[in-house]
Amino acid sequence: MKDRAARIRTDTLRKPAQVTEDPRVHTDLAYLRGLEGPARGLSFLPRQPAQSVLNGRHASRLRGRGLNFEELRDYLPGDDIRAIDWKVTARTGTPHVRVMTEERDRPALIVVDQRMSMFFGTRRAMKSVTAAEAAAMTAFRILDQGDRVGGIVFGDKMIAEVRPQRSRAALNRFLTALAEANGLLHAEAPNPAPIGLTEVLRAVARIAPRNHLVIVLSDFDGIDAETDRIVSGLARHNDLILVPVTDPSAGEIPAGLKLIVTDGALQAEIDTGAPGTRKGLIEMSKGRLADVLDWQRRFGVAILPLSAGEETLPQMRRLLGLGPR
């Protein structure tokens, strides 16, 4: 347990020793900051376009900001009778109403997977890059809407937490953690047992116990029965949006090929003709996605699937029911 805790960092991350310049493989802080402009026009407010997956029959409707109790006062002509507090009215003998005000903002927590399972892509970019792009644009847009924004960025052996705040400083800390975690991904990285998604979601439940907007961008590798339970709890008390990031090759892997995979510097070979290799890769990907889609049916969470084989912004606009730009 002590060893596990020692591996978890919640403030700063190690600088990567070497990062390739290929933007399809790695992203950096300057690039993520540059996504502020493209992010304009996206919306994560409760009122969504009719075509948005956040407004669908089977997707979670964004509940938006909650209500805070302001005061209890005498009923005045014109007050909404639905606001009458009948218990106080019966106790005092005169009509009283409860005055509620809308919360000034709604905190948002963006959870981004940067484990080695995300360091894969066959078309446009790595899944890790697609997740980082979507997370950065989401963070910019939420802050522009006046809400607090923070996040959790996690890799195989690290997790960085940024508590939701309505400030550019918090946003910059989140983007910095995201860029540094992305830069740690490389072919030479050791591959021991990574941090599980369940462990990360426990941290989410601690930071966002209720009335948060929680967005999880991941390939959802390593989910189990405990993950299922935590997702159910998060969905009951928060607006939960799951963003499964996939690669278009997931169901198209041919048999009998020797595939060369690379991070731009080092190479490795995967033989799809080896017993069980191709079948295992396809079943793992499809089974994992099926579990995530089932959460939509069972818990009412919203699902925004992203493909690493397409540009990120057009996909997000399409899923949110917005026209092309």
C-alpha atoms as a PDB file:
ATOM      1  CA  MET A   1       0.000   0.000   0.000  1.00  0.00           C
ATOM      2  CA  LYS A   2       2.826   2.398   0.825  1.00  0.00           C
ATOM      3  CA  ASP A   3       4.549   1.607  -2.456  1.00  0.00           C
ATOM      4  CA  ARG A   4       1.302   2.286  -4.292  1.00  0.00           C
ATOM      5  CA  ALA A   5       0.826   5.615  -2.598  1.00  0.00           C
ATOM      6  CA  ALA A   6       4.395   6.589  -3.333  1.00  0.00           C
ATOM      7  CA  ARG A   7       3.825   6.155  -7.036  1.00  0.00           C
ATOM      8  CA  ILE A   8       0.865   8.516  -7.077  1.00  0.00           C
ATOM      9  CA  ARG A   9       1.671  12.165  -7.589  1.00  0.00           C
ATOM     10  CA  THR A  10      -1.020  14.786  -7.066  1.00  0.00           C
ATOM     11  CA  ASP A  11       0.900  17.985  -7.640  1.00  0.00           C
ATOM     12  CA  THR A  12       3.591  17.837 -10.328  1.00  0.00           C
ATOM     13  CA  LEU A  13       4.792  15.346 -12.909  1.00  0.00           C
ATOM     14  CA  ARG A  14       8.225  14.365 -14.117  1.00  0.00           C
ATOM     15  CA  LYS A  15       9.365  16.050 -17.277  1.00  0.00           C
ATOM     16  CA  PRO A  16       9.642  13.493 -20.091  1.00  0.00           C
ATOM     17  CA  ALA A  17      13.186  12.730 -21.111  1.00  0.00           C
ATOM     18  CA  GLN A  18      12.423  12.813 -24.808  1.00  0.00           C
ATOM     19  CA  VAL A  19       9.339  13.780 -26.793  1.00  0.00           C
ATOM     20  CA  THR A  20       8.936  13.315 -30.526  1.00  0.00           C
ATOM     21  CA  GLU A  21       7.918  16.351 -32.564  1.00  0.00           C
ATOM     22  CA  ASP A  22       5.223  14.459 -34.482  1.00  0.00           C
ATOM     23  CA  PRO A  23       1.890  16.016 -33.340  1.00  0.00           C
ATOM     24  CA  ARG A  24       0.060  12.805 -34.230  1.00  0.00           C
ATOM     25  CA  VAL A  25       2.041  10.982 -31.570  1.00  0.00           C
ATOM     26  CA  HIS A  26       2.506  13.595 -28.837  1.00  0.00           C
ATOM     27  CA  THR A  27       0.948  16.916 -27.998  1.00  0.00           C
ATOM     28  CA  ASP A  28       2.450  19.792 -26.014  1.00  0.00           C
ATOM     29  CA  LEU A  29       1.310  22.679 -23.854  1.00  0.00           C
ATOM     30  CA  ALA A  30       1.529  25.304 -26.617  1.00  0.00           C
ATOM     31  CA  TYR A  31      -0.681  23.239 -28.893  1.00  0.00           C
ATOM     32  CA  LEU A  32      -3.262  22.603 -26.177  1.00  0.00           C
ATOM     33  CA  ARG A  33      -3.399  26.312 -25.328  1.00  0.00           C
ATOM     34  CA  GLY A  34      -3.977  27.027 -29.015  1.00  0.00           C
ATOM     35  CA  LEU A  35      -7.234  25.055 -28.942  1.00  0.00           C
ATOM     36  CA  GLU A  36      -9.039  27.856 -27.085  1.00  0.00           C
ATOM     37  CA  GLY A  37     -10.179  29.436 -30.358  1.00  0.00           C
ATOM     38  CA  PRO A  38     -11.511  26.240 -31.962  1.00  0.00           C
ATOM     39  CA  ALA A  39     -13.363  25.437 -28.727  1.00  0.00           C
ATOM     40  CA  ARG A  40     -15.653  28.468 -29.106  1.00  0.00           C
ATOM     41  CA  GLY A  41     -19.088  27.360 -30.164  1.00  0.00           C
ATOM     42  CA  LEU A  42     -19.073  24.108 -28.202  1.00  0.00           C
ATOM     43  CA  SER A  43     -21.587  23.950 -25.371  1.00  0.00           C
ATOM     44  CA  PHE A  44     -21.952  21.851 -22.243  1.00  0.00           C
ATOM     45  CA  LEU A  45     -24.826  23.881 -20.808  1.00  0.00           C
ATOM     46  CA  PRO A  46     -28.100  22.155 -19.837  1.00  0.00           C
ATOM     47  CA  ARG A  47     -30.033  23.424 -22.873  1.00  0.00           C
ATOM     48  CA  GLN A  48     -28.766  21.400 -25.822  1.00  0.00           C
ATOM     49  CA  PRO A  49     -29.700  21.376 -29.527  1.00  0.00           C
ATOM     50  CA  ALA A  50     -32.281  18.757 -30.499  1.00  0.00           C
ATOM     51  CA  GLN A  51     -29.636  16.743 -32.391  1.00  0.00           C
ATOM     52  CA  SER A  52     -27.206  16.667 -29.469  1.00  0.00           C
ATOM     53  CA  VAL A  53     -26.520  13.301 -27.857  1.00  0.00           C
ATOM     54  CA  LEU A  54     -26.798  15.150 -24.534  1.00  0.00           C
ATOM     55  CA  ASN A  55     -30.452  15.859 -25.300  1.00  0.00           C
ATOM     56  CA  GLY A  56     -31.474  12.372 -26.413  1.00  0.00           C
ATOM     57  CA  ARG A  57     -34.059  10.084 -24.972  1.00  0.00           C
ATOM     58  CA  HIS A  58     -31.481   7.588 -23.738  1.00  0.00           C
ATOM     59  CA  ALA A  59     -28.763  10.071 -22.723  1.00  0.00           C
ATOM     60  CA  SER A  60     -28.472  11.982 -19.497  1.00  0.00           C
ATOM     61  CA  ARG A  61     -30.033  15.417 -19.714  1.00  0.00           C
ATOM     62  CA  LEU A  62     -27.630  17.941 -18.265  1.00  0.00           C
ATOM     63  CA  ARG A  63     -29.278  19.212 -15.137  1.00  0.00           C
ATOM     64  CA  GLY A  64     -27.119  22.291 -14.921  1.00  0.00           C
ATOM     65  CA  ARG A  65     -26.680  24.412 -11.847  1.00  0.00           C
ATOM     66  CA  GLY A  66     -28.524  23.533  -8.681  1.00  0.00           C
ATOM     67  CA  LEU A  67     -30.491  25.732  -6.300  1.00  0.00           C
ATOM     68  CA  ASN A  68     -29.342  27.221  -3.019  1.00  0.00           C
ATOM     69  CA  PHE A  69     -31.698  28.146  -0.182  1.00  0.00           C
ATOM     70  CA  GLU A  70     -31.755  31.933   0.208  1.00  0.00           C
ATOM     71  CA  GLU A  71     -34.422  32.796   2.807  1.00  0.00           C
ATOM     72  CA  LEU A  72     -37.820  31.986   4.294  1.00  0.00           C
ATOM     73  CA  ARG A  73     -40.278  34.909   4.204  1.00  0.00           C
ATOM     74  CA  ASP A  74     -43.970  35.805   4.292  1.00  0.00           C
ATOM     75  CA  TYR A  75     -46.008  35.022   1.195  1.00  0.00           C
ATOM     76  CA  LEU A  76     -46.582  38.071  -1.047  1.00  0.00           C
ATOM     77  CA  PRO A  77     -49.191  38.482  -3.791  1.00  0.00           C
ATOM     78  CA  GLY A  78     -47.714  37.171  -7.035  1.00  0.00           C
ATOM     79  CA  ASP A  79     -45.438  34.571  -5.426  1.00  0.00           C
ATOM     80  CA  ASP A  80     -45.492  31.117  -6.974  1.00  0.00           C
ATOM     81  CA  ILE A  81     -47.725  28.968  -4.761  1.00  0.00           C
ATOM     82  CA  ARG A  82     -45.380  26.046  -5.473  1.00  0.00           C
ATOM     83  CA  ALA A  83     -42.794  27.839  -3.341  1.00  0.00           C
ATOM     84  CA  ILE A  84     -45.006  27.796  -0.225  1.00  0.00           C
ATOM     85  CA  ASP A  85     -43.435  25.933   2.691  1.00  0.00           C
ATOM     86  CA  TRP A  86     -46.489  24.165   4.053  1.00  0.00           C
ATOM     87  CA  LYS A  87     -44.826  22.934   7.248  1.00  0.00           C
ATOM     88  CA  VAL A  88     -43.792  26.457   8.272  1.00  0.00           C
ATOM     89  CA  THR A  89     -47.174  27.799   7.164  1.00  0.00           C
ATOM     90  CA  ALA A  90     -48.993  25.284   9.373  1.00  0.00           C
ATOM     91  CA  ARG A  91     -46.708  25.980  12.326  1.00  0.00           C
ATOM     92  CA  THR A  92     -46.986  29.797  12.165  1.00  0.00           C
ATOM     93  CA  GLY A  93     -50.507  30.156  10.856  1.00  0.00           C
ATOM     94  CA  THR A  94     -49.429  32.514   8.058  1.00  0.00           C
ATOM     95  CA  PRO A  95     -48.271  31.597   4.531  1.00  0.00           C
ATOM     96  CA  HIS A  96     -44.495  31.430   4.093  1.00  0.00           C
ATOM     97  CA  VAL A  97     -42.451  30.774   0.961  1.00  0.00           C
ATOM     98  CA  ARG A  98     -38.928  29.398   0.503  1.00  0.00           C
ATOM     99  CA  VAL A  99     -36.789  31.627  -1.711  1.00  0.00           C
ATOM    100  CA  MET A 100     -34.213  29.758  -3.762  1.00  0.00           C
ATOM    101  CA  THR A 101     -31.429  31.178  -5.933  1.00  0.00           C
ATOM    102  CA  GLU A 102     -29.566  29.430  -8.710  1.00  0.00           C
ATOM    103  CA  GLU A 103     -25.997  28.427  -7.953  1.00  0.00           C
ATOM    104  CA  ARG A 104     -23.506  30.811  -9.492  1.00  0.00           C
ATOM    105  CA  ASP A 105     -21.670  28.042 -11.251  1.00  0.00           C
ATOM    106  CA  ARG A 106     -21.466  24.307 -11.662  1.00  0.00           C
ATOM    107  CA  PRO A 107     -18.087  22.672 -11.057  1.00  0.00           C
ATOM    108  CA  ALA A 108     -16.788  20.431 -13.831  1.00  0.00           C
ATOM    109  CA  LEU A 109     -14.206  17.659 -13.528  1.00  0.00           C
ATOM    110  CA  ILE A 110     -12.517  16.396 -16.701  1.00  0.00           C
ATOM    111  CA  VAL A 111     -10.879  12.982 -16.324  1.00  0.00           C
ATOM    112  CA  VAL A 112      -8.298  12.104 -18.991  1.00  0.00           C
ATOM    113  CA  ASP A 113      -6.688   8.708 -19.560  1.00  0.00           C
ATOM    114  CA  GLN A 114      -3.036   8.860 -20.660  1.00  0.00           C
ATOM    115  CA  ARG A 115      -2.034   5.256 -19.985  1.00  0.00           C
ATOM    116  CA  MET A 116      -0.064   3.131 -22.433  1.00  0.00           C
ATOM    117  CA  SER A 117      -3.287   1.517 -23.686  1.00  0.00           C
ATOM    118  CA  MET A 118      -4.147   4.962 -25.109  1.00  0.00           C
ATOM    119  CA  PHE A 119      -0.792   5.191 -26.912  1.00  0.00           C
ATOM    120  CA  PHE A 120      -2.125   3.641 -30.104  1.00  0.00           C
ATOM    121  CA  GLY A 121      -3.440   4.923 -33.420  1.00  0.00           C
ATOM    122  CA  THR A 122      -3.590   3.781 -37.039  1.00  0.00           C
ATOM    123  CA  ARG A 123      -5.122   6.721 -38.937  1.00  0.00           C
ATOM    124  CA  ARG A 124      -4.973  10.341 -37.846  1.00  0.00           C
ATOM    125  CA  ALA A 125      -3.495  10.289 -34.346  1.00  0.00           C
ATOM    126  CA  MET A 126      -2.922   8.326 -31.170  1.00  0.00           C
ATOM    127  CA  LYS A 127      -5.952   7.846 -28.927  1.00  0.00           C
ATOM    128  CA  SER A 128      -4.007   9.702 -26.229  1.00  0.00           C
ATOM    129  CA  VAL A 129      -3.701  12.766 -28.486  1.00  0.00           C
ATOM    130  CA  THR A 130      -7.403  12.709 -29.401  1.00  0.00           C
ATOM    131  CA  ALA A 131      -8.345  12.527 -25.714  1.00  0.00           C
ATOM    132  CA  ALA A 132      -6.000  15.415 -24.865  1.00  0.00           C
ATOM    133  CA  GLU A 133      -7.424  17.593 -27.653  1.00  0.00           C
ATOM    134  CA  ALA A 134     -11.019  16.947 -26.608  1.00  0.00           C
ATOM    135  CA  ALA A 135     -10.201  17.548 -22.929  1.00  0.00           C
ATOM    136  CA  ALA A 136      -8.473  20.873 -23.632  1.00  0.00           C
ATOM    137  CA  MET A 137     -11.322  22.205 -25.777  1.00  0.00           C
ATOM    138  CA  THR A 138     -13.866  21.088 -23.201  1.00  0.00           C
ATOM    139  CA  ALA A 139     -11.962  22.818 -20.395  1.00  0.00           C
ATOM    140  CA  PHE A 140     -11.745  26.111 -22.301  1.00  0.00           C
ATOM    141  CA  ARG A 141     -15.435  26.074 -23.137  1.00  0.00           C
ATOM    142  CA  ILE A 142     -16.598  25.255 -19.613  1.00  0.00           C
ATOM    143  CA  LEU A 143     -14.516  28.059 -18.128  1.00  0.00           C
ATOM    144  CA  ASP A 144     -15.896  30.466 -20.751  1.00  0.00           C
ATOM    145  CA  GLN A 145     -19.409  29.481 -19.650  1.00  0.00           C
ATOM    146  CA  GLY A 146     -18.573  30.772 -16.168  1.00  0.00           C
ATOM    147  CA  ASP A 147     -18.279  27.408 -14.461  1.00  0.00           C
ATOM    148  CA  ARG A 148     -15.442  26.078 -12.362  1.00  0.00           C
ATOM    149  CA  VAL A 149     -13.194  23.617 -14.139  1.00  0.00           C
ATOM    150  CA  GLY A 150     -10.634  21.115 -12.911  1.00  0.00           C
ATOM    151  CA  GLY A 151      -9.512  17.656 -13.810  1.00  0.00           C
ATOM    152  CA  ILE A 152      -7.738  14.410 -13.154  1.00  0.00           C
ATOM    153  CA  VAL A 153      -5.003  13.268 -15.530  1.00  0.00           C
ATOM    154  CA  PHE A 154      -3.695   9.750 -15.053  1.00  0.00           C
ATOM    155  CA  GLY A 155      -1.089   7.526 -16.629  1.00  0.00           C
ATOM    156  CA  ASP A 156       0.188   4.063 -15.828  1.00  0.00           C
ATOM    157  CA  LYS A 157       2.003   5.156 -12.669  1.00  0.00           C
ATOM    158  CA  MET A 158       0.824   8.691 -11.942  1.00  0.00           C
ATOM    159  CA  ILE A 159      -2.299  10.676 -11.247  1.00  0.00           C
ATOM    160  CA  ALA A 160      -2.524  14.470 -11.100  1.00  0.00           C
ATOM    161  CA  GLU A 161      -5.507  16.250  -9.551  1.00  0.00           C
ATOM    162  CA  VAL A 162      -6.576  19.835 -10.200  1.00  0.00           C
ATOM    163  CA  ARG A 163      -9.529  20.909  -8.070  1.00  0.00           C
ATOM    164  CA  PRO A 164     -12.295  22.765  -9.955  1.00  0.00           C
ATOM    165  CA  GLN A 165     -11.809  26.520  -9.848  1.00  0.00           C
ATOM    166  CA  ARG A 166     -13.084  29.415 -11.922  1.00  0.00           C
ATOM    167  CA  SER A 167      -9.638  30.657 -12.875  1.00  0.00           C
ATOM    168  CA  ARG A 168      -7.202  30.597 -15.759  1.00  0.00           C
ATOM    169  CA  ALA A 169      -4.510  29.434 -13.359  1.00  0.00           C
ATOM    170  CA  ALA A 170      -6.402  26.210 -12.608  1.00  0.00           C
ATOM    171  CA  LEU A 171      -7.031  25.676 -16.309  1.00  0.00           C
ATOM    172  CA  ASN A 172      -3.344  26.147 -17.035  1.00  0.00           C
ATOM    173  CA  ARG A 173      -2.390  23.632 -14.327  1.00  0.00           C
ATOM    174  CA  PHE A 174      -4.739  21.119 -15.892  1.00  0.00           C
ATOM    175  CA  LEU A 175      -3.322  21.651 -19.394  1.00  0.00           C
ATOM    176  CA  THR A 176       0.243  21.438 -18.060  1.00  0.00           C
ATOM    177  CA  ALA A 177      -0.470  18.121 -16.327  1.00  0.00           C
ATOM    178  CA  LEU A 178      -2.124  16.844 -19.499  1.00  0.00           C
ATOM    179  CA  ALA A 179       0.805  17.807 -21.747  1.00  0.00           C
ATOM    180  CA  GLU A 180       3.382  16.316 -19.391  1.00  0.00           C
ATOM    181  CA  ALA A 181       1.466  13.062 -18.956  1.00  0.00           C
ATOM    182  CA  ASN A 182       1.136  12.769 -22.727  1.00  0.00           C
ATOM    183  CA  GLY A 183       4.861  13.353 -23.144  1.00  0.00           C
ATOM    184  CA  LEU A 184       5.661  10.442 -20.837  1.00  0.00           C
ATOM    185  CA  LEU A 185       4.167   7.966 -23.314  1.00  0.00           C
ATOM    186  CA  HIS A 186       6.834   6.239 -25.404  1.00  0.00           C
ATOM    187  CA  ALA A 187       7.666   2.783 -26.675  1.00  0.00           C
ATOM    188  CA  GLU A 188      10.440   2.260 -24.122  1.00  0.00           C
ATOM    189  CA  ALA A 189       8.139   2.933 -21.176  1.00  0.00           C
ATOM    190  CA  PRO A 190       7.985  -0.019 -18.754  1.00  0.00           C
ATOM    191  CA  ASN A 191       4.656  -1.767 -18.807  1.00  0.00           C
ATOM    192  CA  PRO A 192       3.934  -3.140 -15.321  1.00  0.00           C
ATOM    193  CA  ALA A 193       0.389  -3.257 -13.958  1.00  0.00           C
ATOM    194  CA  PRO A 194      -1.034   0.228 -14.622  1.00  0.00           C
ATOM    195  CA  ILE A 195      -3.289   2.288 -12.392  1.00  0.00           C
ATOM    196  CA  GLY A 196      -6.795   0.920 -12.871  1.00  0.00           C
ATOM    197  CA  LEU A 197      -9.717   3.043 -13.963  1.00  0.00           C
ATOM    198  CA  THR A 198     -11.560   1.992 -10.816  1.00  0.00           C
ATOM    199  CA  GLU A 199      -8.886   3.589  -8.629  1.00  0.00           C
ATOM    200  CA  VAL A 200      -9.184   6.833 -10.594  1.00  0.00           C
ATOM    201  CA  LEU A 201     -12.978   6.857 -10.361  1.00  0.00           C
ATOM    202  CA  ARG A 202     -12.708   6.530  -6.586  1.00  0.00           C
ATOM    203  CA  ALA A 203     -10.760   9.811  -6.648  1.00  0.00           C
ATOM    204  CA  VAL A 204     -13.487  11.302  -8.859  1.00  0.00           C
ATOM    205  CA  ALA A 205     -16.165  10.306  -6.337  1.00  0.00           C
ATOM    206  CA  ARG A 206     -14.129  11.944  -3.569  1.00  0.00           C
ATOM    207  CA  ILE A 207     -13.674  15.242  -5.437  1.00  0.00           C
ATOM    208  CA  ALA A 208     -17.134  15.323  -7.046  1.00  0.00           C
ATOM    209  CA  PRO A 209     -19.576  13.803  -4.539  1.00  0.00           C
ATOM    210  CA  ARG A 210     -22.604  15.511  -6.126  1.00  0.00           C
ATOM    211  CA  ASN A 211     -23.810  18.274  -8.469  1.00  0.00           C
ATOM    212  CA  HIS A 212     -20.743  18.205 -10.715  1.00  0.00           C
ATOM    213  CA  LEU A 213     -20.362  17.781 -14.428  1.00  0.00           C
ATOM    214  CA  VAL A 214     -17.982  14.820 -14.781  1.00  0.00           C
ATOM    215  CA  ILE A 215     -16.479  14.006 -18.189  1.00  0.00           C
ATOM    216  CA  VAL A 216     -14.332  10.874 -18.554  1.00  0.00           C
ATOM    217  CA  LEU A 217     -12.166  10.460 -21.678  1.00  0.00           C
ATOM    218  CA  SER A 218     -10.654   6.979 -21.871  1.00  0.00           C
ATOM    219  CA  ASP A 219     -10.534   3.714 -23.775  1.00  0.00           C
ATOM    220  CA  PHE A 220     -11.930   2.188 -20.548  1.00  0.00           C
ATOM    221  CA  ASP A 221      -9.274  -0.488 -20.390  1.00  0.00           C
ATOM    222  CA  GLY A 222      -9.425  -2.556 -17.206  1.00  0.00           C
ATOM    223  CA  ILE A 223     -13.030  -1.997 -16.101  1.00  0.00           C
ATOM    224  CA  ASP A 224     -14.559  -4.495 -13.678  1.00  0.00           C
ATOM    225  CA  ALA A 225     -17.536  -4.996 -11.372  1.00  0.00           C
ATOM    226  CA  GLU A 226     -16.249  -2.340  -8.965  1.00  0.00           C
ATOM    227  CA  THR A 227     -16.024   0.150 -11.862  1.00  0.00           C
ATOM    228  CA  ASP A 228     -19.651  -0.614 -12.632  1.00  0.00           C
ATOM    229  CA  ARG A 229     -20.688   0.195  -9.064  1.00  0.00           C
ATOM    230  CA  ILE A 230     -18.775   3.487  -8.939  1.00  0.00           C
ATOM    231  CA  VAL A 231     -20.127   4.630 -12.318  1.00  0.00           C
ATOM    232  CA  SER A 232     -23.647   3.960 -11.042  1.00  0.00           C
ATOM    233  CA  GLY A 233     -23.026   6.131  -7.969  1.00  0.00           C
ATOM    234  CA  LEU A 234     -21.466   8.955  -9.955  1.00  0.00           C
ATOM    235  CA  ALA A 235     -24.392   8.961 -12.393  1.00  0.00           C
ATOM    236  CA  ARG A 236     -26.934   9.217  -9.561  1.00  0.00           C
ATOM    237  CA  HIS A 237     -25.413  12.340  -8.049  1.00  0.00           C
ATOM    238  CA  ASN A 238     -23.743  14.096 -11.003  1.00  0.00           C
ATOM    239  CA  ASP A 239     -24.091  14.752 -14.713  1.00  0.00           C
ATOM    240  CA  LEU A 240     -21.804  12.065 -16.105  1.00  0.00           C
ATOM    241  CA  ILE A 241     -20.537  12.087 -19.688  1.00  0.00           C
ATOM    242  CA  LEU A 242     -18.395   9.171 -20.854  1.00  0.00           C
ATOM    243  CA  VAL A 243     -16.183   9.660 -23.904  1.00  0.00           C
ATOM    244  CA  PRO A 244     -14.890   6.301 -25.182  1.00  0.00           C
ATOM    245  CA  VAL A 245     -11.898   6.988 -27.439  1.00  0.00           C
ATOM    246  CA  THR A 246     -11.422   4.274 -30.050  1.00  0.00           C
ATOM    247  CA  ASP A 247      -9.277   3.559 -33.089  1.00  0.00           C
ATOM    248  CA  PRO A 248     -10.960   2.637 -36.395  1.00  0.00           C
ATOM    249  CA  SER A 249      -8.802  -0.484 -36.698  1.00  0.00           C
ATOM    250  CA  ALA A 250     -10.505  -2.066 -33.661  1.00  0.00           C
ATOM    251  CA  GLY A 251     -12.764  -4.309 -35.739  1.00  0.00           C
ATOM    252  CA  GLU A 252     -10.715  -4.389 -38.927  1.00  0.00           C
ATOM    253  CA  ILE A 253      -7.578  -6.263 -37.906  1.00  0.00           C
ATOM    254  CA  PRO A 254      -6.853  -8.845 -40.643  1.00  0.00           C
ATOM    255  CA  ALA A 255      -5.425 -12.252 -39.838  1.00  0.00           C
ATOM    256  CA  GLY A 256      -1.999 -13.421 -40.964  1.00  0.00           C
ATOM    257  CA  LEU A 257      -0.275 -10.028 -40.915  1.00  0.00           C
ATOM    258  CA  LYS A 258       2.835  -8.920 -39.113  1.00  0.00           C
ATOM    259  CA  LEU A 259       2.109  -5.350 -38.098  1.00  0.00           C
ATOM    260  CA  ILE A 260       4.889  -2.884 -37.315  1.00  0.00           C
ATOM    261  CA  VAL A 261       3.884  -0.379 -34.664  1.00  0.00           C
ATOM    262  CA  THR A 262       5.973   2.652 -33.784  1.00  0.00           C
ATOM    263  CA  ASP A 263       6.029   5.799 -31.694  1.00  0.00           C
ATOM    264  CA  GLY A 264       8.117   7.595 -34.293  1.00  0.00           C
ATOM    265  CA  ALA A 265      11.407   6.405 -32.856  1.00  0.00           C
ATOM    266  CA  LEU A 266      11.157   2.753 -31.760  1.00  0.00           C
ATOM    267  CA  GLN A 267       9.333  -0.114 -33.438  1.00  0.00           C
ATOM    268  CA  ALA A 268       7.661  -3.336 -32.354  1.00  0.00           C
ATOM    269  CA  GLU A 269       6.029  -6.166 -34.278  1.00  0.00           C
ATOM    270  CA  ILE A 270       2.599  -7.764 -33.677  1.00  0.00           C
ATOM    271  CA  ASP A 271       1.830 -11.036 -35.458  1.00  0.00           C
ATOM    272  CA  THR A 272      -1.966 -11.213 -36.007  1.00  0.00           C
ATOM    273  CA  GLY A 273      -1.524 -14.787 -37.185  1.00  0.00           C
ATOM    274  CA  ALA A 274      -0.354 -15.927 -33.759  1.00  0.00           C
ATOM    275  CA  PRO A 275      -2.949 -18.087 -31.955  1.00  0.00           C
ATOM    276  CA  GLY A 276      -5.550 -15.909 -30.272  1.00  0.00           C
ATOM    277  CA  THR A 277      -3.845 -12.561 -30.997  1.00  0.00           C
ATOM    278  CA  ARG A 278      -6.265 -11.114 -33.570  1.00  0.00           C
ATOM    279  CA  LYS A 279      -9.361 -12.547 -31.873  1.00  0.00           C
ATOM    280  CA  GLY A 280      -8.206 -11.264 -28.513  1.00  0.00           C
ATOM    281  CA  LEU A 281      -7.570  -7.744 -29.792  1.00  0.00           C
ATOM    282  CA  ILE A 282     -10.982  -7.486 -31.458  1.00  0.00           C
ATOM    283  CA  GLU A 283     -12.961  -9.049 -28.617  1.00  0.00           C
ATOM    284  CA  MET A 284     -11.198  -6.902 -26.028  1.00  0.00           C
ATOM    285  CA  SER A 285     -12.059  -3.699 -27.895  1.00  0.00           C
ATOM    286  CA  LYS A 286     -15.669  -4.591 -28.743  1.00  0.00           C
ATOM    287  CA  GLY A 287     -16.410  -6.075 -25.335  1.00  0.00           C
ATOM    288  CA  ARG A 288     -15.100  -3.021 -23.520  1.00  0.00           C
ATOM    289  CA  LEU A 289     -17.175  -0.651 -25.673  1.00  0.00           C
ATOM    290  CA  ALA A 290     -20.268  -2.803 -25.193  1.00  0.00           C
ATOM    291  CA  ASP A 291     -19.894  -2.502 -21.418  1.00  0.00           C
ATOM    292  CA  VAL A 292     -19.646   1.288 -21.643  1.00  0.00           C
ATOM    293  CA  LEU A 293     -22.694   1.520 -23.917  1.00  0.00           C
ATOM    294  CA  ASP A 294     -24.603  -0.663 -21.452  1.00  0.00           C
ATOM    295  CA  TRP A 295     -23.975   1.957 -18.753  1.00  0.00           C
ATOM    296  CA  GLN A 296     -25.971   4.345 -20.907  1.00  0.00           C
ATOM    297  CA  ARG A 297     -28.969   2.007 -20.818  1.00  0.00           C
ATOM    298  CA  ARG A 298     -28.666   1.095 -17.141  1.00  0.00           C
ATOM    299  CA  PHE A 299     -27.542   4.351 -15.531  1.00  0.00           C
ATOM    300  CA  GLY A 300     -28.667   7.020 -18.028  1.00  0.00           C
ATOM    301  CA  VAL A 301     -25.175   8.398 -18.610  1.00  0.00           C
ATOM    302  CA  ALA A 302     -24.398  10.321 -21.792  1.00  0.00           C
ATOM    303  CA  ILE A 303     -21.998   8.758 -24.295  1.00  0.00           C
ATOM    304  CA  LEU A 304     -19.896  10.839 -26.706  1.00  0.00           C
ATOM    305  CA  PRO A 305     -17.777   8.361 -28.701  1.00  0.00           C
ATOM    306  CA  LEU A 306     -14.652   9.775 -30.345  1.00  0.00           C
ATOM    307  CA  SER A 307     -12.486   8.127 -32.980  1.00  0.00           C
ATOM    308  CA  ALA A 308      -8.748   8.727 -33.177  1.00  0.00           C
ATOM    309  CA  GLY A 309      -9.123   8.273 -36.938  1.00  0.00           C
ATOM    310  CA  GLU A 310     -10.921  11.624 -37.446  1.00  0.00           C
ATOM    311  CA  GLU A 311     -10.326  15.255 -36.573  1.00  0.00           C
ATOM    312  CA  THR A 312     -11.500  15.880 -33.022  1.00  0.00           C
ATOM    313  CA  LEU A 313     -13.371  19.196 -33.313  1.00  0.00           C
ATOM    314  CA  PRO A 314     -15.769  18.178 -36.141  1.00  0.00           C
ATOM    315  CA  GLN A 315     -16.660  15.028 -34.214  1.00  0.00           C
ATOM    316  CA  MET A 316     -17.437  17.008 -31.061  1.00  0.00           C
ATOM    317  CA  ARG A 317     -19.572  19.509 -32.962  1.00  0.00           C
ATOM    318  CA  ARG A 318     -21.481  16.694 -34.642  1.00  0.00           C
ATOM    319  CA  LEU A 319     -22.124  14.878 -31.350  1.00  0.00           C
ATOM    320  CA  LEU A 320     -23.260  18.092 -29.677  1.00  0.00           C
ATOM    321  CA  GLY A 321     -25.738  18.769 -32.503  1.00  0.00           C
ATOM    322  CA  LEU A 322     -23.852  21.795 -33.852  1.00  0.00           C
ATOM    323  CA  GLY A 323     -23.324  22.625 -37.511  1.00  0.00           C
ATOM    324  CA  PRO A 324     -19.932  22.491 -39.259  1.00  0.00           C
ATOM    325  CA  ARG A 325     -17.550  25.431 -38.987  1.00  0.00           C
END
